Amino acid sequence: MMPKRRRTRAQDRAYRIATERRQNHAARQRAQVLTQTAAATDTHGPPPDPNDDPPPF
């Protein structure tokens, strides 16, 4: 005897689509947070010394 379906194919498809959308949304949120924190903490080293002259040649 075949097992009975708990949900229709349409319900199963809608559930899978909703799950994928939730996962995509969460991934976009994580990427956005990482981008924002990287931009906030991104430095290009200390500022140059104003009295730093190039060596004489």
PDB file of N, CA and C in Angstrom:
ATOM      1  N   MET A   1       0.841  -1.176   0.000  1.00  0.00           N
ATOM      2  CA  MET A   1       0.000   0.000   0.000  1.00  0.00           C
ATOM      3  C   MET A   1       0.893   1.248   0.000  1.00  0.00           C
ATOM      4  N   MET A   2       0.523   2.207  -0.801  1.00  0.00           N
ATOM      5  CA  MET A   2       1.301   3.438  -0.933  1.00  0.00           C
ATOM      6  C   MET A   2       1.016   4.382   0.238  1.00  0.00           C
ATOM      7  N   PRO A   3       2.043   5.088   0.698  1.00  0.00           N
ATOM      8  CA  PRO A   3       1.794   6.076   1.756  1.00  0.00           C
ATOM      9  C   PRO A   3       0.992   7.249   1.207  1.00  0.00           C
ATOM     10  N   LYS A   4       0.206   7.845   2.085  1.00  0.00           N
ATOM     11  CA  LYS A   4      -0.621   8.982   1.671  1.00  0.00           C
ATOM     12  C   LYS A   4       0.172  10.269   1.819  1.00  0.00           C
ATOM     13  N   ARG A   5      -0.121  11.189   0.942  1.00  0.00           N
ATOM     14  CA  ARG A   5       0.528  12.496   1.004  1.00  0.00           C
ATOM     15  C   ARG A   5      -0.015  13.287   2.189  1.00  0.00           C
ATOM     16  N   ARG A   6       0.870  13.999   2.835  1.00  0.00           N
ATOM     17  CA  ARG A   6       0.439  14.871   3.932  1.00  0.00           C
ATOM     18  C   ARG A   6       0.025  16.229   3.398  1.00  0.00           C
ATOM     19  N   ARG A   7       0.685  16.630   2.291  1.00  0.00           N
ATOM     20  CA  ARG A   7       0.359  17.908   1.651  1.00  0.00           C
ATOM     21  C   ARG A   7       0.200  17.664   0.159  1.00  0.00           C
ATOM     22  N   THR A   8      -0.505  18.578  -0.463  1.00  0.00           N
ATOM     23  CA  THR A   8      -0.633  18.481  -1.918  1.00  0.00           C
ATOM     24  C   THR A   8       0.682  18.906  -2.561  1.00  0.00           C
ATOM     25  N   ARG A   9       0.832  18.622  -3.828  1.00  0.00           N
ATOM     26  CA  ARG A   9       2.046  19.037  -4.541  1.00  0.00           C
ATOM     27  C   ARG A   9       2.180  20.557  -4.536  1.00  0.00           C
ATOM     28  N   ALA A  10       1.073  21.243  -4.687  1.00  0.00           N
ATOM     29  CA  ALA A  10       1.107  22.709  -4.682  1.00  0.00           C
ATOM     30  C   ALA A  10       1.545  23.231  -3.313  1.00  0.00           C
ATOM     31  N   GLN A  11       1.048  22.620  -2.248  1.00  0.00           N
ATOM     32  CA  GLN A  11       1.449  23.043  -0.907  1.00  0.00           C
ATOM     33  C   GLN A  11       2.931  22.760  -0.667  1.00  0.00           C
ATOM     34  N   ASP A  12       3.388  21.603  -1.123  1.00  0.00           N
ATOM     35  CA  ASP A  12       4.792  21.244  -0.957  1.00  0.00           C
ATOM     36  C   ASP A  12       5.685  22.206  -1.730  1.00  0.00           C
ATOM     37  N   ARG A  13       5.290  22.535  -2.944  1.00  0.00           N
ATOM     38  CA  ARG A  13       6.071  23.463  -3.769  1.00  0.00           C
ATOM     39  C   ARG A  13       6.104  24.852  -3.126  1.00  0.00           C
ATOM     40  N   ALA A  14       4.958  25.322  -2.638  1.00  0.00           N
ATOM     41  CA  ALA A  14       4.899  26.632  -1.992  1.00  0.00           C
ATOM     42  C   ALA A  14       5.782  26.655  -0.742  1.00  0.00           C
ATOM     43  N   TYR A  15       5.796  25.556   0.005  1.00  0.00           N
ATOM     44  CA  TYR A  15       6.628  25.477   1.205  1.00  0.00           C
ATOM     45  C   TYR A  15       8.109  25.534   0.839  1.00  0.00           C
ATOM     46  N   ARG A  16       8.510  24.793  -0.188  1.00  0.00           N
ATOM     47  CA  ARG A  16       9.911  24.799  -0.612  1.00  0.00           C
ATOM     48  C   ARG A  16      10.338  26.173  -1.108  1.00  0.00           C
ATOM     49  N   ILE A  17       9.470  26.838  -1.860  1.00  0.00           N
ATOM     50  CA  ILE A  17       9.788  28.178  -2.369  1.00  0.00           C
ATOM     51  C   ILE A  17       9.922  29.165  -1.212  1.00  0.00           C
ATOM     52  N   ALA A  18       9.001  29.100  -0.257  1.00  0.00           N
ATOM     53  CA  ALA A  18       9.058  30.004   0.895  1.00  0.00           C
ATOM     54  C   ALA A  18      10.327  29.766   1.715  1.00  0.00           C
ATOM     55  N   THR A  19      10.702  28.505   1.878  1.00  0.00           N
ATOM     56  CA  THR A  19      11.923  28.182   2.619  1.00  0.00           C
ATOM     57  C   THR A  19      13.147  28.745   1.920  1.00  0.00           C
ATOM     58  N   GLU A  20      13.221  28.576   0.596  1.00  0.00           N
ATOM     59  CA  GLU A  20      14.363  29.098  -0.154  1.00  0.00           C
ATOM     60  C   GLU A  20      14.421  30.621  -0.077  1.00  0.00           C
ATOM     61  N   ARG A  21      13.274  31.267  -0.133  1.00  0.00           N
ATOM     62  CA  ARG A  21      13.250  32.730  -0.037  1.00  0.00           C
ATOM     63  C   ARG A  21      13.730  33.195   1.330  1.00  0.00           C
ATOM     64  N   ARG A  22      13.316  32.492   2.391  1.00  0.00           N
ATOM     65  CA  ARG A  22      13.784  32.840   3.742  1.00  0.00           C
ATOM     66  C   ARG A  22      15.300  32.683   3.842  1.00  0.00           C
ATOM     67  N   GLN A  23      15.818  31.594   3.281  1.00  0.00           N
ATOM     68  CA  GLN A  23      17.263  31.365   3.321  1.00  0.00           C
ATOM     69  C   GLN A  23      18.005  32.434   2.524  1.00  0.00           C
ATOM     70  N   ASN A  24      17.485  32.803   1.365  1.00  0.00           N
ATOM     71  CA  ASN A  24      18.115  33.845   0.551  1.00  0.00           C
ATOM     72  C   ASN A  24      18.107  35.182   1.287  1.00  0.00           C
ATOM     73  N   HIS A  25      16.989  35.489   1.929  1.00  0.00           N
ATOM     74  CA  HIS A  25      16.875  36.743   2.674  1.00  0.00           C
ATOM     75  C   HIS A  25      17.896  36.775   3.817  1.00  0.00           C
ATOM     76  N   ALA A  26      18.001  35.663   4.545  1.00  0.00           N
ATOM     77  CA  ALA A  26      18.955  35.601   5.652  1.00  0.00           C
ATOM     78  C   ALA A  26      20.388  35.743   5.140  1.00  0.00           C
ATOM     79  N   ALA A  27      20.688  35.134   4.012  1.00  0.00           N
ATOM     80  CA  ALA A  27      22.038  35.235   3.443  1.00  0.00           C
ATOM     81  C   ALA A  27      22.337  36.668   3.014  1.00  0.00           C
ATOM     82  N   ARG A  28      21.348  37.345   2.428  1.00  0.00           N
ATOM     83  CA  ARG A  28      21.554  38.744   2.033  1.00  0.00           C
ATOM     84  C   ARG A  28      21.768  39.622   3.252  1.00  0.00           C
ATOM     85  N   GLN A  29      21.030  39.372   4.323  1.00  0.00           N
ATOM     86  CA  GLN A  29      21.192  40.164   5.546  1.00  0.00           C
ATOM     87  C   GLN A  29      22.593  39.969   6.123  1.00  0.00           C
ATOM     88  N   ARG A  30      23.070  38.700   6.168  1.00  0.00           N
ATOM     89  CA  ARG A  30      24.418  38.436   6.678  1.00  0.00           C
ATOM     90  C   ARG A  30      25.463  39.132   5.821  1.00  0.00           C
ATOM     91  N   ALA A  31      25.300  39.074   4.513  1.00  0.00           N
ATOM     92  CA  ALA A  31      26.265  39.712   3.613  1.00  0.00           C
ATOM     93  C   ALA A  31      26.264  41.224   3.807  1.00  0.00           C
ATOM     94  N   GLN A  32      25.094  41.796   4.014  1.00  0.00           N
ATOM     95  CA  GLN A  32      24.998  43.243   4.203  1.00  0.00           C
ATOM     96  C   GLN A  32      25.678  43.648   5.511  1.00  0.00           C
ATOM     97  N   VAL A  33      25.470  42.887   6.564  1.00  0.00           N
ATOM     98  CA  VAL A  33      26.094  43.194   7.853  1.00  0.00           C
ATOM     99  C   VAL A  33      27.608  43.078   7.731  1.00  0.00           C
ATOM    100  N   LEU A  34      28.091  42.037   7.060  1.00  0.00           N
ATOM    101  CA  LEU A  34      29.535  41.879   6.887  1.00  0.00           C
ATOM    102  C   LEU A  34      30.118  43.026   6.078  1.00  0.00           C
ATOM    103  N   THR A  35      29.404  43.468   5.058  1.00  0.00           N
ATOM    104  CA  THR A  35      29.875  44.576   4.232  1.00  0.00           C
ATOM    105  C   THR A  35      29.929  45.863   5.046  1.00  0.00           C
ATOM    106  N   GLN A  36      28.902  46.101   5.841  1.00  0.00           N
ATOM    107  CA  GLN A  36      28.861  47.319   6.646  1.00  0.00           C
ATOM    108  C   GLN A  36      29.962  47.324   7.699  1.00  0.00           C
ATOM    109  N   THR A  37      30.184  46.194   8.358  1.00  0.00           N
ATOM    110  CA  THR A  37      31.223  46.157   9.385  1.00  0.00           C
ATOM    111  C   THR A  37      32.605  46.258   8.754  1.00  0.00           C
ATOM    112  N   ALA A  38      32.788  45.675   7.583  1.00  0.00           N
ATOM    113  CA  ALA A  38      34.085  45.771   6.909  1.00  0.00           C
ATOM    114  C   ALA A  38      34.344  47.211   6.477  1.00  0.00           C
ATOM    115  N   ALA A  39      33.326  47.895   5.998  1.00  0.00           N
ATOM    116  CA  ALA A  39      33.489  49.285   5.568  1.00  0.00           C
ATOM    117  C   ALA A  39      33.760  50.196   6.767  1.00  0.00           C
ATOM    118  N   ALA A  40      33.141  49.886   7.899  1.00  0.00           N
ATOM    119  CA  ALA A  40      33.322  50.721   9.088  1.00  0.00           C
ATOM    120  C   ALA A  40      34.705  50.529   9.703  1.00  0.00           C
ATOM    121  N   THR A  41      35.252  49.332   9.594  1.00  0.00           N
ATOM    122  CA  THR A  41      36.545  49.063  10.218  1.00  0.00           C
ATOM    123  C   THR A  41      37.690  49.088   9.220  1.00  0.00           C
ATOM    124  N   ASP A  42      37.406  49.356   7.969  1.00  0.00           N
ATOM    125  CA  ASP A  42      38.448  49.356   6.946  1.00  0.00           C
ATOM    126  C   ASP A  42      39.284  50.620   7.067  1.00  0.00           C
ATOM    127  N   THR A  43      40.555  50.431   7.353  1.00  0.00           N
ATOM    128  CA  THR A  43      41.481  51.560   7.408  1.00  0.00           C
ATOM    129  C   THR A  43      42.641  51.258   6.483  1.00  0.00           C
ATOM    130  N   HIS A  44      43.262  52.273   6.012  1.00  0.00           N
ATOM    131  CA  HIS A  44      44.379  52.118   5.099  1.00  0.00           C
ATOM    132  C   HIS A  44      45.686  52.428   5.816  1.00  0.00           C
ATOM    133  N   GLY A  45      45.782  52.069   7.046  1.00  0.00           N
ATOM    134  CA  GLY A  45      46.985  52.313   7.820  1.00  0.00           C
ATOM    135  C   GLY A  45      46.914  53.649   8.528  1.00  0.00           C
ATOM    136  N   PRO A  46      47.946  53.948   9.294  1.00  0.00           N
ATOM    137  CA  PRO A  46      47.949  55.221  10.025  1.00  0.00           C
ATOM    138  C   PRO A  46      48.159  56.388   9.066  1.00  0.00           C
ATOM    139  N   PRO A  47      47.751  57.567   9.460  1.00  0.00           N
ATOM    140  CA  PRO A  47      47.954  58.725   8.582  1.00  0.00           C
ATOM    141  C   PRO A  47      49.446  59.010   8.432  1.00  0.00           C
ATOM    142  N   PRO A  48      49.856  59.559   7.313  1.00  0.00           N
ATOM    143  CA  PRO A  48      51.284  59.826   7.112  1.00  0.00           C
ATOM    144  C   PRO A  48      51.785  60.914   8.059  1.00  0.00           C
ATOM    145  N   ASP A  49      53.045  60.791   8.412  1.00  0.00           N
ATOM    146  CA  ASP A  49      53.687  61.769   9.286  1.00  0.00           C
ATOM    147  C   ASP A  49      53.928  63.052   8.485  1.00  0.00           C
ATOM    148  N   PRO A  50      53.472  64.210   8.965  1.00  0.00           N
ATOM    149  CA  PRO A  50      53.650  65.443   8.188  1.00  0.00           C
ATOM    150  C   PRO A  50      55.118  65.854   8.053  1.00  0.00           C
ATOM    151  N   ASN A  51      55.994  65.411   8.971  1.00  0.00           N
ATOM    152  CA  ASN A  51      57.417  65.775   8.914  1.00  0.00           C
ATOM    153  C   ASN A  51      58.256  64.721   8.193  1.00  0.00           C
ATOM    154  N   ASP A  52      57.624  63.796   7.544  1.00  0.00           N
ATOM    155  CA  ASP A  52      58.341  62.722   6.868  1.00  0.00           C
ATOM    156  C   ASP A  52      58.757  63.178   5.472  1.00  0.00           C
ATOM    157  N   ASP A  53      60.027  63.491   5.316  1.00  0.00           N
ATOM    158  CA  ASP A  53      60.554  63.918   4.017  1.00  0.00           C
ATOM    159  C   ASP A  53      61.133  62.705   3.291  1.00  0.00           C
ATOM    160  N   PRO A  54      61.083  62.713   1.974  1.00  0.00           N
ATOM    161  CA  PRO A  54      61.688  61.604   1.240  1.00  0.00           C
ATOM    162  C   PRO A  54      63.207  61.645   1.383  1.00  0.00           C
ATOM    163  N   PRO A  55      63.869  60.504   1.241  1.00  0.00           N
ATOM    164  CA  PRO A  55      65.331  60.504   1.381  1.00  0.00           C
ATOM    165  C   PRO A  55      65.982  61.280   0.246  1.00  0.00           C
ATOM    166  N   PRO A  56      67.112  61.936   0.512  1.00  0.00           N
ATOM    167  CA  PRO A  56      67.790  62.704  -0.543  1.00  0.00           C
ATOM    168  C   PRO A  56      68.491  61.767  -1.525  1.00  0.00           C
ATOM    169  N   PHE A  57      68.445  62.121  -2.796  1.00  0.00           N
ATOM    170  CA  PHE A  57      69.123  61.339  -3.843  1.00  0.00           C
ATOM    171  C   PHE A  57      70.051  62.213  -4.608  1.00  0.00           C
TER     172      PHE A  57
END
